[in-house]
Amino acid sequence: MAAPSGSRLVIYAALAGNLAIAIAKFIAAGLSGSSAMLSEGVHSLVDTLNEVLLLYGLRRAEKAPDTLHPFGYGRELYFWSFIVALLVFAAGAGVSAYEGIQHIRQPEPASNHAISYSVLGISILFEGASWWVALREFRRSKGSLGYFEAFRRSKDPSTFTVLLEDSAALLGLGFALVGLLAAQLLEMPVLDGVASLCIAGVLALTAFLLARETKGLLIGEPAHPAVAQRIMAVAVTDPDLRRANGVTTLQMGPEQVVAMLSAEFEDDRTTPQIEACITRIESAVKQEFPELVALFIKPQTPEVFAARRAALDRPGTTD
């Protein structure tokens, strides 16, 4: 199933911007000797690799189901998004922290400030443009939800990953600019290293947020509540069901949902009638939610379903 075109647009915009910016930052770092500029170069290089991994994850997630993965490869995107979070922390935050500590221990004044300031200014323009594309797509997909709530509920990590990366990049550029300016005006080159540590802190926080959200998606989260509500609404009107007890959903990928309906059938229904009932419910729900790849109906009495749901809701059974 094709990924939303908006997701790819966001990633392509970030990829093009980060690659150009990374090259410029490394050149400026080499000419000026600035610790903050080198940290920013590593930051942009890591972001560039991250976009490549996200694009690879999107392509892998499009693979059709097969015997080894009967529900498709949607979680490939979640896996590669988690790898992106690890890279942001290990390569981005780790290298920036190391470079900052080294510069604080052995401070050396930077040179060629005009080049560094020019690169930072251009970088802010490129990152700002990429950030605006990601923000616009995220605002389109979040609907009426707040930003943080939409971030927590999102099932497509590609858009919010780029938005977080670009936000961190803009903060990092701000720290680099302030650090370079303060080091030059106050003649305290140690502040250049402090700016690198600030950049490392921003990247570490970004990595933590990304890892937390993609971990939940990778392990398995329920689909949007509207899917379960629609299944229940269709099920309660079907003549072959005596009672619909409840629905459990699982998000297998950005555009792949599996659902299980607990229901009690009328006693005199035959197997063909039960199969036809399942097909009717699944077809009706798919008209509104095409991401539903499979619907399983489990015959259960309301008492059994309520007991099992209560067991899930007990303290200590969830993270």
C-alpha atoms as a PDB file:
ATOM      1  CA  MET A   1       0.000   0.000   0.000  1.00  0.00           C
ATOM      2  CA  ALA A   2       1.516   3.337  -1.016  1.00  0.00           C
ATOM      3  CA  ALA A   3       2.588   5.693   1.704  1.00  0.00           C
ATOM      4  CA  PRO A   4       1.006   9.130   1.806  1.00  0.00           C
ATOM      5  CA  SER A   5       2.665  11.410  -0.731  1.00  0.00           C
ATOM      6  CA  GLY A   6       2.883  14.125   1.929  1.00  0.00           C
ATOM      7  CA  SER A   7       5.221  11.953   4.003  1.00  0.00           C
ATOM      8  CA  ARG A   8       7.614  11.503   1.095  1.00  0.00           C
ATOM      9  CA  LEU A   9       7.529  15.211   0.246  1.00  0.00           C
ATOM     10  CA  VAL A  10       8.514  16.063   3.817  1.00  0.00           C
ATOM     11  CA  ILE A  11      11.401  13.566   3.773  1.00  0.00           C
ATOM     12  CA  TYR A  12      12.694  14.607   0.341  1.00  0.00           C
ATOM     13  CA  ALA A  13      12.660  18.268   1.374  1.00  0.00           C
ATOM     14  CA  ALA A  14      14.583  17.472   4.560  1.00  0.00           C
ATOM     15  CA  LEU A  15      17.042  15.203   2.716  1.00  0.00           C
ATOM     16  CA  ALA A  16      17.957  17.828   0.126  1.00  0.00           C
ATOM     17  CA  GLY A  17      18.343  20.560   2.707  1.00  0.00           C
ATOM     18  CA  ASN A  18      20.357  18.517   5.210  1.00  0.00           C
ATOM     19  CA  LEU A  19      22.799  17.196   2.619  1.00  0.00           C
ATOM     20  CA  ALA A  20      23.630  20.683   1.322  1.00  0.00           C
ATOM     21  CA  ILE A  21      23.856  22.086   4.831  1.00  0.00           C
ATOM     22  CA  ALA A  22      26.109  19.258   6.090  1.00  0.00           C
ATOM     23  CA  ILE A  23      28.667  19.897   3.349  1.00  0.00           C
ATOM     24  CA  ALA A  24      28.663  23.637   4.017  1.00  0.00           C
ATOM     25  CA  LYS A  25      29.020  23.167   7.781  1.00  0.00           C
ATOM     26  CA  PHE A  26      31.972  20.790   7.479  1.00  0.00           C
ATOM     27  CA  ILE A  27      33.738  23.232   5.153  1.00  0.00           C
ATOM     28  CA  ALA A  28      33.091  26.081   7.587  1.00  0.00           C
ATOM     29  CA  ALA A  29      34.235  23.956  10.550  1.00  0.00           C
ATOM     30  CA  GLY A  30      37.471  23.077   8.746  1.00  0.00           C
ATOM     31  CA  LEU A  31      38.212  26.697   7.903  1.00  0.00           C
ATOM     32  CA  SER A  32      37.228  28.200  11.251  1.00  0.00           C
ATOM     33  CA  GLY A  33      38.114  25.463  13.733  1.00  0.00           C
ATOM     34  CA  SER A  34      34.787  25.984  15.498  1.00  0.00           C
ATOM     35  CA  SER A  35      33.631  23.147  17.765  1.00  0.00           C
ATOM     36  CA  ALA A  36      29.993  24.180  17.455  1.00  0.00           C
ATOM     37  CA  MET A  37      30.219  24.201  13.648  1.00  0.00           C
ATOM     38  CA  LEU A  38      31.712  20.703  13.643  1.00  0.00           C
ATOM     39  CA  SER A  39      28.932  19.490  15.943  1.00  0.00           C
ATOM     40  CA  GLU A  40      26.383  21.053  13.632  1.00  0.00           C
ATOM     41  CA  GLY A  41      28.028  19.364  10.635  1.00  0.00           C
ATOM     42  CA  VAL A  42      27.743  15.970  12.331  1.00  0.00           C
ATOM     43  CA  HIS A  43      24.155  16.821  13.252  1.00  0.00           C
ATOM     44  CA  SER A  44      23.210  17.548   9.633  1.00  0.00           C
ATOM     45  CA  LEU A  45      25.060  14.472   8.369  1.00  0.00           C
ATOM     46  CA  VAL A  46      23.153  12.269  10.821  1.00  0.00           C
ATOM     47  CA  ASP A  47      19.873  13.909   9.766  1.00  0.00           C
ATOM     48  CA  THR A  48      20.723  13.199   6.108  1.00  0.00           C
ATOM     49  CA  LEU A  49      21.316   9.519   6.863  1.00  0.00           C
ATOM     50  CA  ASN A  50      18.082   9.475   8.860  1.00  0.00           C
ATOM     51  CA  GLU A  51      16.045  10.661   5.876  1.00  0.00           C
ATOM     52  CA  VAL A  52      17.601   7.911   3.737  1.00  0.00           C
ATOM     53  CA  LEU A  53      16.609   5.316   6.353  1.00  0.00           C
ATOM     54  CA  LEU A  54      13.055   6.693   6.552  1.00  0.00           C
ATOM     55  CA  LEU A  55      12.688   6.497   2.771  1.00  0.00           C
ATOM     56  CA  TYR A  56      13.989   2.926   2.875  1.00  0.00           C
ATOM     57  CA  GLY A  57      11.504   2.118   5.634  1.00  0.00           C
ATOM     58  CA  LEU A  58       8.632   3.599   3.627  1.00  0.00           C
ATOM     59  CA  ARG A  59       9.595   1.528   0.590  1.00  0.00           C
ATOM     60  CA  ARG A  60       9.874  -1.662   2.640  1.00  0.00           C
ATOM     61  CA  ALA A  61       6.521  -0.956   4.314  1.00  0.00           C
ATOM     62  CA  GLU A  62       4.870  -0.988   0.866  1.00  0.00           C
ATOM     63  CA  LYS A  63       5.743  -4.645   0.234  1.00  0.00           C
ATOM     64  CA  ALA A  64       2.725  -6.879  -0.298  1.00  0.00           C
ATOM     65  CA  PRO A  65       1.874  -9.514   2.333  1.00  0.00           C
ATOM     66  CA  ASP A  66       3.398 -12.952   1.833  1.00  0.00           C
ATOM     67  CA  THR A  67       3.571 -16.272   3.672  1.00  0.00           C
ATOM     68  CA  LEU A  68       6.235 -15.022   6.070  1.00  0.00           C
ATOM     69  CA  HIS A  69       4.445 -11.732   6.801  1.00  0.00           C
ATOM     70  CA  PRO A  70       0.726 -12.328   6.192  1.00  0.00           C
ATOM     71  CA  PHE A  71      -0.223  -8.855   7.453  1.00  0.00           C
ATOM     72  CA  GLY A  72       2.376  -7.020   5.402  1.00  0.00           C
ATOM     73  CA  TYR A  73       5.592  -5.198   6.189  1.00  0.00           C
ATOM     74  CA  GLY A  74       4.154  -2.034   7.716  1.00  0.00           C
ATOM     75  CA  ARG A  75       6.228  -2.313  10.877  1.00  0.00           C
ATOM     76  CA  GLU A  76       9.439  -2.011   8.856  1.00  0.00           C
ATOM     77  CA  LEU A  77       8.902   1.759   8.976  1.00  0.00           C
ATOM     78  CA  TYR A  78       8.585   1.608  12.768  1.00  0.00           C
ATOM     79  CA  PHE A  79      11.817  -0.386  13.006  1.00  0.00           C
ATOM     80  CA  TRP A  80      13.818   2.037  10.867  1.00  0.00           C
ATOM     81  CA  SER A  81      12.302   4.998  12.718  1.00  0.00           C
ATOM     82  CA  PHE A  82      13.615   3.463  15.949  1.00  0.00           C
ATOM     83  CA  ILE A  83      17.054   3.099  14.356  1.00  0.00           C
ATOM     84  CA  VAL A  84      16.848   6.786  13.431  1.00  0.00           C
ATOM     85  CA  ALA A  85      16.246   7.633  17.105  1.00  0.00           C
ATOM     86  CA  LEU A  86      19.296   5.596  18.117  1.00  0.00           C
ATOM     87  CA  LEU A  87      21.421   7.331  15.479  1.00  0.00           C
ATOM     88  CA  VAL A  88      20.325  10.773  16.662  1.00  0.00           C
ATOM     89  CA  PHE A  89      21.405   9.855  20.186  1.00  0.00           C
ATOM     90  CA  ALA A  90      24.591   7.857  19.494  1.00  0.00           C
ATOM     91  CA  ALA A  91      26.029   9.687  16.489  1.00  0.00           C
ATOM     92  CA  GLY A  92      24.487  13.128  16.899  1.00  0.00           C
ATOM     93  CA  ALA A  93      24.345  13.718  20.650  1.00  0.00           C
ATOM     94  CA  GLY A  94      27.376  11.528  21.389  1.00  0.00           C
ATOM     95  CA  VAL A  95      29.750  13.206  18.931  1.00  0.00           C
ATOM     96  CA  SER A  96      28.518  16.692  19.841  1.00  0.00           C
ATOM     97  CA  ALA A  97      29.033  16.022  23.555  1.00  0.00           C
ATOM     98  CA  TYR A  98      32.526  14.623  22.956  1.00  0.00           C
ATOM     99  CA  GLU A  99      33.514  17.559  20.761  1.00  0.00           C
ATOM    100  CA  GLY A 100      32.132  20.037  23.306  1.00  0.00           C
ATOM    101  CA  ILE A 101      34.014  18.469  26.218  1.00  0.00           C
ATOM    102  CA  GLN A 102      37.244  18.382  24.223  1.00  0.00           C
ATOM    103  CA  HIS A 103      36.900  22.052  23.279  1.00  0.00           C
ATOM    104  CA  ILE A 104      36.144  23.049  26.873  1.00  0.00           C
ATOM    105  CA  ARG A 105      39.225  21.189  28.107  1.00  0.00           C
ATOM    106  CA  GLN A 106      41.437  22.627  25.360  1.00  0.00           C
ATOM    107  CA  PRO A 107      39.768  25.834  24.150  1.00  0.00           C
ATOM    108  CA  GLU A 108      41.097  27.362  20.971  1.00  0.00           C
ATOM    109  CA  PRO A 109      39.671  30.556  19.462  1.00  0.00           C
ATOM    110  CA  ALA A 110      37.838  30.098  16.174  1.00  0.00           C
ATOM    111  CA  SER A 111      38.783  31.983  13.030  1.00  0.00           C
ATOM    112  CA  ASN A 112      37.091  32.972   9.768  1.00  0.00           C
ATOM    113  CA  HIS A 113      33.951  33.972  11.654  1.00  0.00           C
ATOM    114  CA  ALA A 114      32.373  35.491   8.555  1.00  0.00           C
ATOM    115  CA  ILE A 115      32.286  32.086   6.870  1.00  0.00           C
ATOM    116  CA  SER A 116      30.734  30.440   9.930  1.00  0.00           C
ATOM    117  CA  TYR A 117      28.080  33.133  10.287  1.00  0.00           C
ATOM    118  CA  SER A 118      27.257  32.946   6.577  1.00  0.00           C
ATOM    119  CA  VAL A 119      26.864  29.162   6.703  1.00  0.00           C
ATOM    120  CA  LEU A 120      24.729  29.379   9.836  1.00  0.00           C
ATOM    121  CA  GLY A 121      22.497  31.990   8.215  1.00  0.00           C
ATOM    122  CA  ILE A 122      22.037  29.908   5.056  1.00  0.00           C
ATOM    123  CA  SER A 123      21.465  26.807   7.178  1.00  0.00           C
ATOM    124  CA  ILE A 124      18.723  28.547   9.141  1.00  0.00           C
ATOM    125  CA  LEU A 125      16.976  29.428   5.868  1.00  0.00           C
ATOM    126  CA  PHE A 126      17.197  25.854   4.523  1.00  0.00           C
ATOM    127  CA  GLU A 127      16.211  24.244   7.818  1.00  0.00           C
ATOM    128  CA  GLY A 128      13.391  26.743   8.244  1.00  0.00           C
ATOM    129  CA  ALA A 129      12.003  25.870   4.822  1.00  0.00           C
ATOM    130  CA  SER A 130      12.202  22.131   5.551  1.00  0.00           C
ATOM    131  CA  TRP A 131      10.639  22.695   8.986  1.00  0.00           C
ATOM    132  CA  TRP A 132       7.756  24.623   7.426  1.00  0.00           C
ATOM    133  CA  VAL A 133       7.045  21.798   4.946  1.00  0.00           C
ATOM    134  CA  ALA A 134       7.047  19.244   7.788  1.00  0.00           C
ATOM    135  CA  LEU A 135       4.896  21.459  10.026  1.00  0.00           C
ATOM    136  CA  ARG A 136       2.360  22.058   7.255  1.00  0.00           C
ATOM    137  CA  GLU A 137       2.018  18.314   6.611  1.00  0.00           C
ATOM    138  CA  PHE A 138       1.771  17.560  10.331  1.00  0.00           C
ATOM    139  CA  ARG A 139      -0.911  20.220  10.803  1.00  0.00           C
ATOM    140  CA  ARG A 140      -2.843  18.757   7.878  1.00  0.00           C
ATOM    141  CA  SER A 141      -2.768  15.246   9.351  1.00  0.00           C
ATOM    142  CA  LYS A 142      -3.396  16.157  12.999  1.00  0.00           C
ATOM    143  CA  GLY A 143      -6.859  17.634  12.403  1.00  0.00           C
ATOM    144  CA  SER A 144      -8.349  19.190  15.535  1.00  0.00           C
ATOM    145  CA  LEU A 145      -5.911  17.501  17.925  1.00  0.00           C
ATOM    146  CA  GLY A 146      -3.298  19.488  19.802  1.00  0.00           C
ATOM    147  CA  TYR A 147       0.309  19.189  18.650  1.00  0.00           C
ATOM    148  CA  PHE A 148       1.513  17.037  21.543  1.00  0.00           C
ATOM    149  CA  GLU A 149      -1.596  14.846  21.494  1.00  0.00           C
ATOM    150  CA  ALA A 150      -1.254  14.402  17.720  1.00  0.00           C
ATOM    151  CA  PHE A 151       2.411  13.474  18.199  1.00  0.00           C
ATOM    152  CA  ARG A 152       1.474  10.820  20.778  1.00  0.00           C
ATOM    153  CA  ARG A 153      -1.373   9.427  18.641  1.00  0.00           C
ATOM    154  CA  SER A 154       0.333   9.519  15.251  1.00  0.00           C
ATOM    155  CA  LYS A 155       0.756   6.139  13.542  1.00  0.00           C
ATOM    156  CA  ASP A 156       3.032   7.473  10.792  1.00  0.00           C
ATOM    157  CA  PRO A 157       6.444   8.265  12.318  1.00  0.00           C
ATOM    158  CA  SER A 158       7.941   9.645   9.107  1.00  0.00           C
ATOM    159  CA  THR A 159       6.300  13.075   9.373  1.00  0.00           C
ATOM    160  CA  PHE A 160       6.735  13.688  13.095  1.00  0.00           C
ATOM    161  CA  THR A 161      10.320  12.374  12.965  1.00  0.00           C
ATOM    162  CA  VAL A 162      11.297  14.964  10.350  1.00  0.00           C
ATOM    163  CA  LEU A 163       9.420  17.689  12.217  1.00  0.00           C
ATOM    164  CA  LEU A 164      11.250  16.885  15.449  1.00  0.00           C
ATOM    165  CA  GLU A 165      14.604  16.657  13.656  1.00  0.00           C
ATOM    166  CA  ASP A 166      14.092  20.010  11.955  1.00  0.00           C
ATOM    167  CA  SER A 167      12.983  21.609  15.219  1.00  0.00           C
ATOM    168  CA  ALA A 168      16.113  20.264  16.911  1.00  0.00           C
ATOM    169  CA  ALA A 169      18.192  21.488  13.984  1.00  0.00           C
ATOM    170  CA  LEU A 170      16.862  25.041  14.312  1.00  0.00           C
ATOM    171  CA  LEU A 171      17.531  25.008  18.065  1.00  0.00           C
ATOM    172  CA  GLY A 172      21.021  23.654  17.428  1.00  0.00           C
ATOM    173  CA  LEU A 173      21.734  26.379  14.896  1.00  0.00           C
ATOM    174  CA  GLY A 174      20.579  28.937  17.426  1.00  0.00           C
ATOM    175  CA  PHE A 175      22.949  27.551  20.070  1.00  0.00           C
ATOM    176  CA  ALA A 176      25.815  27.453  17.558  1.00  0.00           C
ATOM    177  CA  LEU A 177      25.204  31.063  16.530  1.00  0.00           C
ATOM    178  CA  VAL A 178      24.988  32.318  20.111  1.00  0.00           C
ATOM    179  CA  GLY A 179      28.038  30.262  21.138  1.00  0.00           C
ATOM    180  CA  LEU A 180      30.197  31.551  18.287  1.00  0.00           C
ATOM    181  CA  LEU A 181      29.092  35.132  18.812  1.00  0.00           C
ATOM    182  CA  ALA A 182      29.617  35.001  22.576  1.00  0.00           C
ATOM    183  CA  ALA A 183      33.031  33.335  22.192  1.00  0.00           C
ATOM    184  CA  GLN A 184      34.122  36.058  19.748  1.00  0.00           C
ATOM    185  CA  LEU A 185      32.751  39.089  21.590  1.00  0.00           C
ATOM    186  CA  LEU A 186      33.763  37.939  25.098  1.00  0.00           C
ATOM    187  CA  GLU A 187      37.020  36.396  23.881  1.00  0.00           C
ATOM    188  CA  MET A 188      36.090  33.171  25.680  1.00  0.00           C
ATOM    189  CA  PRO A 189      36.576  30.265  23.228  1.00  0.00           C
ATOM    190  CA  VAL A 190      35.316  27.878  25.894  1.00  0.00           C
ATOM    191  CA  LEU A 191      31.793  29.100  25.094  1.00  0.00           C
ATOM    192  CA  ASP A 192      32.121  27.474  21.676  1.00  0.00           C
ATOM    193  CA  GLY A 193      32.427  24.118  23.449  1.00  0.00           C
ATOM    194  CA  VAL A 194      29.499  24.967  25.716  1.00  0.00           C
ATOM    195  CA  ALA A 195      27.402  25.520  22.589  1.00  0.00           C
ATOM    196  CA  SER A 196      28.340  22.001  21.432  1.00  0.00           C
ATOM    197  CA  LEU A 197      27.135  20.584  24.754  1.00  0.00           C
ATOM    198  CA  CYS A 198      23.861  22.469  24.358  1.00  0.00           C
ATOM    199  CA  ILE A 199      23.467  20.980  20.868  1.00  0.00           C
ATOM    200  CA  ALA A 200      24.153  17.536  22.343  1.00  0.00           C
ATOM    201  CA  GLY A 201      21.418  18.102  24.931  1.00  0.00           C
ATOM    202  CA  VAL A 202      18.874  19.065  22.262  1.00  0.00           C
ATOM    203  CA  LEU A 203      19.738  15.968  20.231  1.00  0.00           C
ATOM    204  CA  ALA A 204      19.554  13.694  23.279  1.00  0.00           C
ATOM    205  CA  LEU A 205      16.075  15.003  24.155  1.00  0.00           C
ATOM    206  CA  THR A 206      14.941  14.601  20.536  1.00  0.00           C
ATOM    207  CA  ALA A 207      16.269  11.039  20.455  1.00  0.00           C
ATOM    208  CA  PHE A 208      14.449  10.220  23.702  1.00  0.00           C
ATOM    209  CA  LEU A 209      11.099  11.488  22.374  1.00  0.00           C
ATOM    210  CA  LEU A 210      11.521   9.646  19.063  1.00  0.00           C
ATOM    211  CA  ALA A 211      12.569   6.414  20.750  1.00  0.00           C
ATOM    212  CA  ARG A 212       9.667   6.565  23.196  1.00  0.00           C
ATOM    213  CA  GLU A 213       7.053   7.001  20.490  1.00  0.00           C
ATOM    214  CA  THR A 214       8.498   4.558  17.948  1.00  0.00           C
ATOM    215  CA  LYS A 215       8.999   1.939  20.663  1.00  0.00           C
ATOM    216  CA  GLY A 216       5.252   1.993  21.347  1.00  0.00           C
ATOM    217  CA  LEU A 217       4.462   1.638  17.647  1.00  0.00           C
ATOM    218  CA  LEU A 218       7.028  -1.133  17.226  1.00  0.00           C
ATOM    219  CA  ILE A 219       5.714  -3.161  20.149  1.00  0.00           C
ATOM    220  CA  GLY A 220       2.122  -2.609  19.118  1.00  0.00           C
ATOM    221  CA  GLU A 221      -0.439   0.120  19.757  1.00  0.00           C
ATOM    222  CA  PRO A 222      -4.200   0.241  19.178  1.00  0.00           C
ATOM    223  CA  ALA A 223      -5.427   1.896  16.013  1.00  0.00           C
ATOM    224  CA  HIS A 224      -7.307   5.180  16.118  1.00  0.00           C
ATOM    225  CA  PRO A 225     -10.447   4.781  18.309  1.00  0.00           C
ATOM    226  CA  ALA A 226     -12.631   5.689  15.319  1.00  0.00           C
ATOM    227  CA  VAL A 227     -11.835   2.315  13.704  1.00  0.00           C
ATOM    228  CA  ALA A 228     -13.131   0.344  16.701  1.00  0.00           C
ATOM    229  CA  GLN A 229     -16.148   2.636  17.016  1.00  0.00           C
ATOM    230  CA  ARG A 230     -17.074   2.071  13.378  1.00  0.00           C
ATOM    231  CA  ILE A 231     -16.730  -1.711  13.698  1.00  0.00           C
ATOM    232  CA  MET A 232     -19.032  -1.674  16.732  1.00  0.00           C
ATOM    233  CA  ALA A 233     -21.542   0.582  14.988  1.00  0.00           C
ATOM    234  CA  VAL A 234     -21.751  -1.798  12.017  1.00  0.00           C
ATOM    235  CA  ALA A 235     -21.747  -4.950  14.150  1.00  0.00           C
ATOM    236  CA  VAL A 236     -24.636  -4.000  16.430  1.00  0.00           C
ATOM    237  CA  THR A 237     -26.945  -3.605  13.420  1.00  0.00           C
ATOM    238  CA  ASP A 238     -26.131  -6.977  11.832  1.00  0.00           C
ATOM    239  CA  PRO A 239     -29.042  -9.434  12.153  1.00  0.00           C
ATOM    240  CA  ASP A 240     -26.784 -12.468  12.666  1.00  0.00           C
ATOM    241  CA  LEU A 241     -25.229 -11.066  15.834  1.00  0.00           C
ATOM    242  CA  ARG A 242     -27.007 -11.266  19.140  1.00  0.00           C
ATOM    243  CA  ARG A 243     -24.534  -8.939  20.812  1.00  0.00           C
ATOM    244  CA  ALA A 244     -21.264  -7.173  19.994  1.00  0.00           C
ATOM    245  CA  ASN A 245     -19.087  -7.109  23.124  1.00  0.00           C
ATOM    246  CA  GLY A 246     -16.116  -5.009  22.073  1.00  0.00           C
ATOM    247  CA  VAL A 247     -13.266  -4.498  19.634  1.00  0.00           C
ATOM    248  CA  THR A 248      -9.487  -4.838  19.973  1.00  0.00           C
ATOM    249  CA  THR A 249      -7.329  -3.235  17.275  1.00  0.00           C
ATOM    250  CA  LEU A 250      -3.618  -3.359  16.459  1.00  0.00           C
ATOM    251  CA  GLN A 251      -1.716  -0.893  14.277  1.00  0.00           C
ATOM    252  CA  MET A 252       0.554  -3.001  12.036  1.00  0.00           C
ATOM    253  CA  GLY A 253       1.839  -0.049  10.010  1.00  0.00           C
ATOM    254  CA  PRO A 254       0.899   3.523   9.065  1.00  0.00           C
ATOM    255  CA  GLU A 255      -1.782   2.191   6.700  1.00  0.00           C
ATOM    256  CA  GLN A 256      -2.352  -1.321   8.114  1.00  0.00           C
ATOM    257  CA  VAL A 257      -4.757  -2.226  10.914  1.00  0.00           C
ATOM    258  CA  VAL A 258      -5.843  -5.633  12.231  1.00  0.00           C
ATOM    259  CA  ALA A 259      -8.968  -5.874  14.404  1.00  0.00           C
ATOM    260  CA  MET A 260     -10.685  -8.498  16.545  1.00  0.00           C
ATOM    261  CA  LEU A 261     -14.381  -8.265  17.365  1.00  0.00           C
ATOM    262  CA  SER A 262     -15.745 -10.156  20.351  1.00  0.00           C
ATOM    263  CA  ALA A 263     -19.349 -11.059  19.586  1.00  0.00           C
ATOM    264  CA  GLU A 264     -22.130 -13.481  20.379  1.00  0.00           C
ATOM    265  CA  PHE A 265     -23.922 -14.991  17.364  1.00  0.00           C
ATOM    266  CA  GLU A 266     -27.513 -16.075  17.223  1.00  0.00           C
ATOM    267  CA  ASP A 267     -27.680 -19.771  18.195  1.00  0.00           C
ATOM    268  CA  ASP A 268     -29.333 -20.967  14.997  1.00  0.00           C
ATOM    269  CA  ARG A 269     -26.819 -19.390  12.571  1.00  0.00           C
ATOM    270  CA  THR A 270     -24.943 -21.747  10.255  1.00  0.00           C
ATOM    271  CA  THR A 271     -21.243 -21.514   9.358  1.00  0.00           C
ATOM    272  CA  PRO A 272     -21.966 -19.960   5.924  1.00  0.00           C
ATOM    273  CA  GLN A 273     -24.182 -17.366   7.593  1.00  0.00           C
ATOM    274  CA  ILE A 274     -21.459 -16.533  10.126  1.00  0.00           C
ATOM    275  CA  GLU A 275     -18.868 -16.181   7.339  1.00  0.00           C
ATOM    276  CA  ALA A 276     -21.231 -13.907   5.414  1.00  0.00           C
ATOM    277  CA  CYS A 277     -21.753 -11.812   8.569  1.00  0.00           C
ATOM    278  CA  ILE A 278     -18.002 -11.332   9.013  1.00  0.00           C
ATOM    279  CA  THR A 279     -17.612 -10.355   5.360  1.00  0.00           C
ATOM    280  CA  ARG A 280     -20.433  -7.816   5.603  1.00  0.00           C
ATOM    281  CA  ILE A 281     -18.985  -6.133   8.658  1.00  0.00           C
ATOM    282  CA  GLU A 282     -15.450  -6.070   7.248  1.00  0.00           C
ATOM    283  CA  SER A 283     -16.576  -4.706   3.863  1.00  0.00           C
ATOM    284  CA  ALA A 284     -18.679  -1.968   5.458  1.00  0.00           C
ATOM    285  CA  VAL A 285     -15.824  -0.814   7.711  1.00  0.00           C
ATOM    286  CA  LYS A 286     -13.259  -0.904   4.885  1.00  0.00           C
ATOM    287  CA  GLN A 287     -15.324   1.587   2.899  1.00  0.00           C
ATOM    288  CA  GLU A 288     -14.491   4.191   5.550  1.00  0.00           C
ATOM    289  CA  PHE A 289     -11.169   2.760   6.784  1.00  0.00           C
ATOM    290  CA  PRO A 290      -9.357   1.024   3.901  1.00  0.00           C
ATOM    291  CA  GLU A 291      -6.340   0.496   6.163  1.00  0.00           C
ATOM    292  CA  LEU A 292      -8.242  -2.383   7.846  1.00  0.00           C
ATOM    293  CA  VAL A 293      -6.406  -5.393   6.379  1.00  0.00           C
ATOM    294  CA  ALA A 294      -8.130  -8.078   8.462  1.00  0.00           C
ATOM    295  CA  LEU A 295     -11.068  -8.438  10.848  1.00  0.00           C
ATOM    296  CA  PHE A 296     -11.400 -11.475  13.095  1.00  0.00           C
ATOM    297  CA  ILE A 297     -14.576 -12.189  15.008  1.00  0.00           C
ATOM    298  CA  LYS A 298     -14.271 -14.266  18.166  1.00  0.00           C
ATOM    299  CA  PRO A 299     -17.445 -15.866  19.542  1.00  0.00           C
ATOM    300  CA  GLN A 300     -17.620 -14.958  23.227  1.00  0.00           C
ATOM    301  CA  THR A 301     -20.206 -14.350  25.889  1.00  0.00           C
ATOM    302  CA  PRO A 302     -20.248 -10.845  27.368  1.00  0.00           C
ATOM    303  CA  GLU A 303     -19.112 -12.247  30.731  1.00  0.00           C
ATOM    304  CA  VAL A 304     -15.962 -13.836  29.281  1.00  0.00           C
ATOM    305  CA  PHE A 305     -15.102 -10.677  27.337  1.00  0.00           C
ATOM    306  CA  ALA A 306     -15.651  -8.458  30.380  1.00  0.00           C
ATOM    307  CA  ALA A 307     -13.440 -10.701  32.538  1.00  0.00           C
ATOM    308  CA  ARG A 308     -10.585 -10.625  30.035  1.00  0.00           C
ATOM    309  CA  ARG A 309     -10.859  -6.868  29.552  1.00  0.00           C
ATOM    310  CA  ALA A 310     -10.838  -6.372  33.325  1.00  0.00           C
ATOM    311  CA  ALA A 311      -7.651  -8.455  33.539  1.00  0.00           C
ATOM    312  CA  LEU A 312      -5.984  -6.136  31.014  1.00  0.00           C
ATOM    313  CA  ASP A 313      -7.089  -3.070  32.953  1.00  0.00           C
ATOM    314  CA  ARG A 314      -5.677  -4.227  36.294  1.00  0.00           C
ATOM    315  CA  PRO A 315      -2.778  -2.153  37.686  1.00  0.00           C
ATOM    316  CA  GLY A 316       0.563  -3.698  36.826  1.00  0.00           C
ATOM    317  CA  THR A 317      -0.605  -5.297  33.556  1.00  0.00           C
ATOM    318  CA  THR A 318       0.334  -2.276  31.447  1.00  0.00           C
ATOM    319  CA  ASP A 319       3.561  -0.314  31.119  1.00  0.00           C
END
